[in-house]
């Protein structure tokens, strides 16, 4: 399965972005989905996750209160709303299943936050 991640770009600190994650030909609704990111020279890290019906979410401490994960099973898409972004949020962002990544990571989407 090739995941399609979009919505990245260049944004000033304090700004917002919304990332989208979908898997053409794959129904997401039965999977817990997570967002991850990898900054230059660092390991890929967990950012947020959402359960199958969207009622439970979990966030890494650094993004709590700023990022919101949501999903539309009707549209087969998972979103990451990023508000009040900081330069340290600069990374390539990926999505995949949780707790174990079942699919290819793909290229992700680059998010660059300027100070």
C-alpha atoms as a PDB file:
ATOM      1  CA  UNK A   1       0.000   0.000   0.000  1.00  0.00           C
ATOM      2  CA  UNK A   2       1.353   3.413  -0.945  1.00  0.00           C
ATOM      3  CA  UNK A   3       0.325   6.104   1.469  1.00  0.00           C
ATOM      4  CA  UNK A   4      -0.287   9.568   0.056  1.00  0.00           C
ATOM      5  CA  UNK A   5       0.631  12.428   2.350  1.00  0.00           C
ATOM      6  CA  UNK A   6       0.100  16.034   1.369  1.00  0.00           C
ATOM      7  CA  UNK A   7      -0.257  19.527   2.745  1.00  0.00           C
ATOM      8  CA  UNK A   8       3.284  20.352   3.740  1.00  0.00           C
ATOM      9  CA  UNK A   9       5.119  23.516   2.852  1.00  0.00           C
ATOM     10  CA  UNK A  10       6.912  26.551   4.165  1.00  0.00           C
ATOM     11  CA  UNK A  11       5.201  28.436   6.965  1.00  0.00           C
ATOM     12  CA  UNK A  12       6.239  31.129   9.397  1.00  0.00           C
ATOM     13  CA  UNK A  13       6.435  30.410  13.093  1.00  0.00           C
ATOM     14  CA  UNK A  14       3.009  30.816  14.637  1.00  0.00           C
ATOM     15  CA  UNK A  15       1.255  29.845  11.445  1.00  0.00           C
ATOM     16  CA  UNK A  16      -0.848  26.818  10.530  1.00  0.00           C
ATOM     17  CA  UNK A  17      -0.852  23.895   8.129  1.00  0.00           C
ATOM     18  CA  UNK A  18      -3.160  20.951   7.610  1.00  0.00           C
ATOM     19  CA  UNK A  19      -1.693  17.659   6.485  1.00  0.00           C
ATOM     20  CA  UNK A  20      -3.697  14.884   4.857  1.00  0.00           C
ATOM     21  CA  UNK A  21      -3.032  11.162   4.677  1.00  0.00           C
ATOM     22  CA  UNK A  22      -4.847   8.673   2.477  1.00  0.00           C
ATOM     23  CA  UNK A  23      -4.270   5.280   0.949  1.00  0.00           C
ATOM     24  CA  UNK A  24      -5.848   4.880  -2.458  1.00  0.00           C
ATOM     25  CA  UNK A  25      -7.410   1.458  -2.695  1.00  0.00           C
ATOM     26  CA  UNK A  26      -7.150   0.821   1.041  1.00  0.00           C
ATOM     27  CA  UNK A  27      -9.926   1.444   3.543  1.00  0.00           C
ATOM     28  CA  UNK A  28      -8.583   3.218   6.614  1.00  0.00           C
ATOM     29  CA  UNK A  29     -11.579   2.833   8.846  1.00  0.00           C
ATOM     30  CA  UNK A  30     -10.443  -0.377  10.515  1.00  0.00           C
ATOM     31  CA  UNK A  31      -6.983   0.907  11.384  1.00  0.00           C
ATOM     32  CA  UNK A  32      -5.593   3.028  14.139  1.00  0.00           C
ATOM     33  CA  UNK A  33      -3.511   5.666  12.324  1.00  0.00           C
ATOM     34  CA  UNK A  34      -0.557   7.692  13.500  1.00  0.00           C
ATOM     35  CA  UNK A  35       1.379  10.694  12.315  1.00  0.00           C
ATOM     36  CA  UNK A  36       5.168  10.648  12.586  1.00  0.00           C
ATOM     37  CA  UNK A  37       7.958  13.034  11.706  1.00  0.00           C
ATOM     38  CA  UNK A  38      11.643  12.912  11.016  1.00  0.00           C
ATOM     39  CA  UNK A  39      13.844  15.948  11.356  1.00  0.00           C
ATOM     40  CA  UNK A  40      17.260  16.119   9.650  1.00  0.00           C
ATOM     41  CA  UNK A  41      19.776  13.960  11.470  1.00  0.00           C
ATOM     42  CA  UNK A  42      17.190  12.531  13.840  1.00  0.00           C
ATOM     43  CA  UNK A  43      15.197   9.347  14.184  1.00  0.00           C
ATOM     44  CA  UNK A  44      11.586   9.203  13.065  1.00  0.00           C
ATOM     45  CA  UNK A  45       9.359  10.023  16.013  1.00  0.00           C
ATOM     46  CA  UNK A  46       5.720   9.635  16.917  1.00  0.00           C
ATOM     47  CA  UNK A  47       3.541  12.754  16.773  1.00  0.00           C
ATOM     48  CA  UNK A  48      -0.101  11.770  17.207  1.00  0.00           C
ATOM     49  CA  UNK A  49      -2.522   8.891  16.761  1.00  0.00           C
ATOM     50  CA  UNK A  50      -6.238   8.350  16.400  1.00  0.00           C
ATOM     51  CA  UNK A  51      -8.363   5.266  16.892  1.00  0.00           C
ATOM     52  CA  UNK A  52     -10.669   3.737  14.311  1.00  0.00           C
ATOM     53  CA  UNK A  53     -13.781   5.796  15.039  1.00  0.00           C
ATOM     54  CA  UNK A  54     -11.915   9.006  15.834  1.00  0.00           C
ATOM     55  CA  UNK A  55     -13.031   9.175  19.446  1.00  0.00           C
ATOM     56  CA  UNK A  56      -9.615   8.670  21.009  1.00  0.00           C
ATOM     57  CA  UNK A  57      -6.519  10.654  20.219  1.00  0.00           C
ATOM     58  CA  UNK A  58      -3.034  10.711  21.661  1.00  0.00           C
ATOM     59  CA  UNK A  59      -0.269  13.278  21.253  1.00  0.00           C
ATOM     60  CA  UNK A  60       3.412  13.545  21.854  1.00  0.00           C
ATOM     61  CA  UNK A  61       4.023  16.117  24.585  1.00  0.00           C
ATOM     62  CA  UNK A  62       5.740  18.655  22.326  1.00  0.00           C
ATOM     63  CA  UNK A  63       2.647  19.069  20.141  1.00  0.00           C
ATOM     64  CA  UNK A  64      -0.143  18.851  22.721  1.00  0.00           C
ATOM     65  CA  UNK A  65      -2.445  21.836  22.510  1.00  0.00           C
ATOM     66  CA  UNK A  66      -1.086  22.848  19.101  1.00  0.00           C
ATOM     67  CA  UNK A  67      -1.764  19.900  16.799  1.00  0.00           C
ATOM     68  CA  UNK A  68      -5.058  18.116  16.255  1.00  0.00           C
ATOM     69  CA  UNK A  69      -5.448  14.739  14.604  1.00  0.00           C
ATOM     70  CA  UNK A  70      -8.777  13.834  13.056  1.00  0.00           C
ATOM     71  CA  UNK A  71     -10.174  11.474  10.482  1.00  0.00           C
ATOM     72  CA  UNK A  72     -12.935  11.154   7.956  1.00  0.00           C
ATOM     73  CA  UNK A  73     -13.640   7.508   7.315  1.00  0.00           C
ATOM     74  CA  UNK A  74     -16.136   8.537   4.659  1.00  0.00           C
ATOM     75  CA  UNK A  75     -13.297  10.234   2.788  1.00  0.00           C
ATOM     76  CA  UNK A  76     -10.757   7.593   3.818  1.00  0.00           C
ATOM     77  CA  UNK A  77      -8.455  10.344   5.061  1.00  0.00           C
ATOM     78  CA  UNK A  78      -6.635  11.219   8.268  1.00  0.00           C
ATOM     79  CA  UNK A  79      -5.669  14.825   8.975  1.00  0.00           C
ATOM     80  CA  UNK A  80      -3.161  16.643  11.134  1.00  0.00           C
ATOM     81  CA  UNK A  81      -4.045  20.253  11.849  1.00  0.00           C
ATOM     82  CA  UNK A  82      -0.898  22.050  12.903  1.00  0.00           C
ATOM     83  CA  UNK A  83      -1.374  25.391  14.674  1.00  0.00           C
ATOM     84  CA  UNK A  84       1.113  27.692  16.362  1.00  0.00           C
ATOM     85  CA  UNK A  85       3.934  25.909  14.578  1.00  0.00           C
ATOM     86  CA  UNK A  86       7.499  26.337  15.784  1.00  0.00           C
ATOM     87  CA  UNK A  87      10.847  26.007  13.994  1.00  0.00           C
ATOM     88  CA  UNK A  88      11.398  22.735  15.855  1.00  0.00           C
ATOM     89  CA  UNK A  89       8.372  21.300  14.038  1.00  0.00           C
ATOM     90  CA  UNK A  90      10.422  21.341  10.836  1.00  0.00           C
ATOM     91  CA  UNK A  91      10.563  17.769   9.554  1.00  0.00           C
ATOM     92  CA  UNK A  92       9.262  15.349   6.987  1.00  0.00           C
ATOM     93  CA  UNK A  93       5.868  14.149   8.157  1.00  0.00           C
ATOM     94  CA  UNK A  94       4.551  10.649   7.552  1.00  0.00           C
ATOM     95  CA  UNK A  95       1.508   8.614   8.432  1.00  0.00           C
ATOM     96  CA  UNK A  96       1.146   4.898   9.016  1.00  0.00           C
ATOM     97  CA  UNK A  97      -0.832   2.390  11.016  1.00  0.00           C
ATOM     98  CA  UNK A  98      -0.404   1.977  14.740  1.00  0.00           C
ATOM     99  CA  UNK A  99       0.913   0.330  16.834  1.00  0.00           C
ATOM    100  CA  UNK A 100       2.939  -1.293  14.111  1.00  0.00           C
ATOM    101  CA  UNK A 101       3.563   0.333  10.728  1.00  0.00           C
ATOM    102  CA  UNK A 102       1.959  -2.026   8.245  1.00  0.00           C
ATOM    103  CA  UNK A 103       2.620  -0.093   5.076  1.00  0.00           C
ATOM    104  CA  UNK A 104       5.450   1.484   3.146  1.00  0.00           C
ATOM    105  CA  UNK A 105       6.409   4.862   4.606  1.00  0.00           C
ATOM    106  CA  UNK A 106       6.457   6.659   1.297  1.00  0.00           C
ATOM    107  CA  UNK A 107       8.077  10.048   0.790  1.00  0.00           C
ATOM    108  CA  UNK A 108       6.098  11.956   3.380  1.00  0.00           C
ATOM    109  CA  UNK A 109       5.547  15.691   3.147  1.00  0.00           C
ATOM    110  CA  UNK A 110       8.078  18.344   4.093  1.00  0.00           C
ATOM    111  CA  UNK A 111       7.097  20.926   6.667  1.00  0.00           C
ATOM    112  CA  UNK A 112       9.489  23.827   7.099  1.00  0.00           C
ATOM    113  CA  UNK A 113       8.853  26.456   9.765  1.00  0.00           C
ATOM    114  CA  UNK A 114      10.780  29.694   9.491  1.00  0.00           C
ATOM    115  CA  UNK A 115      11.524  31.823  12.518  1.00  0.00           C
END
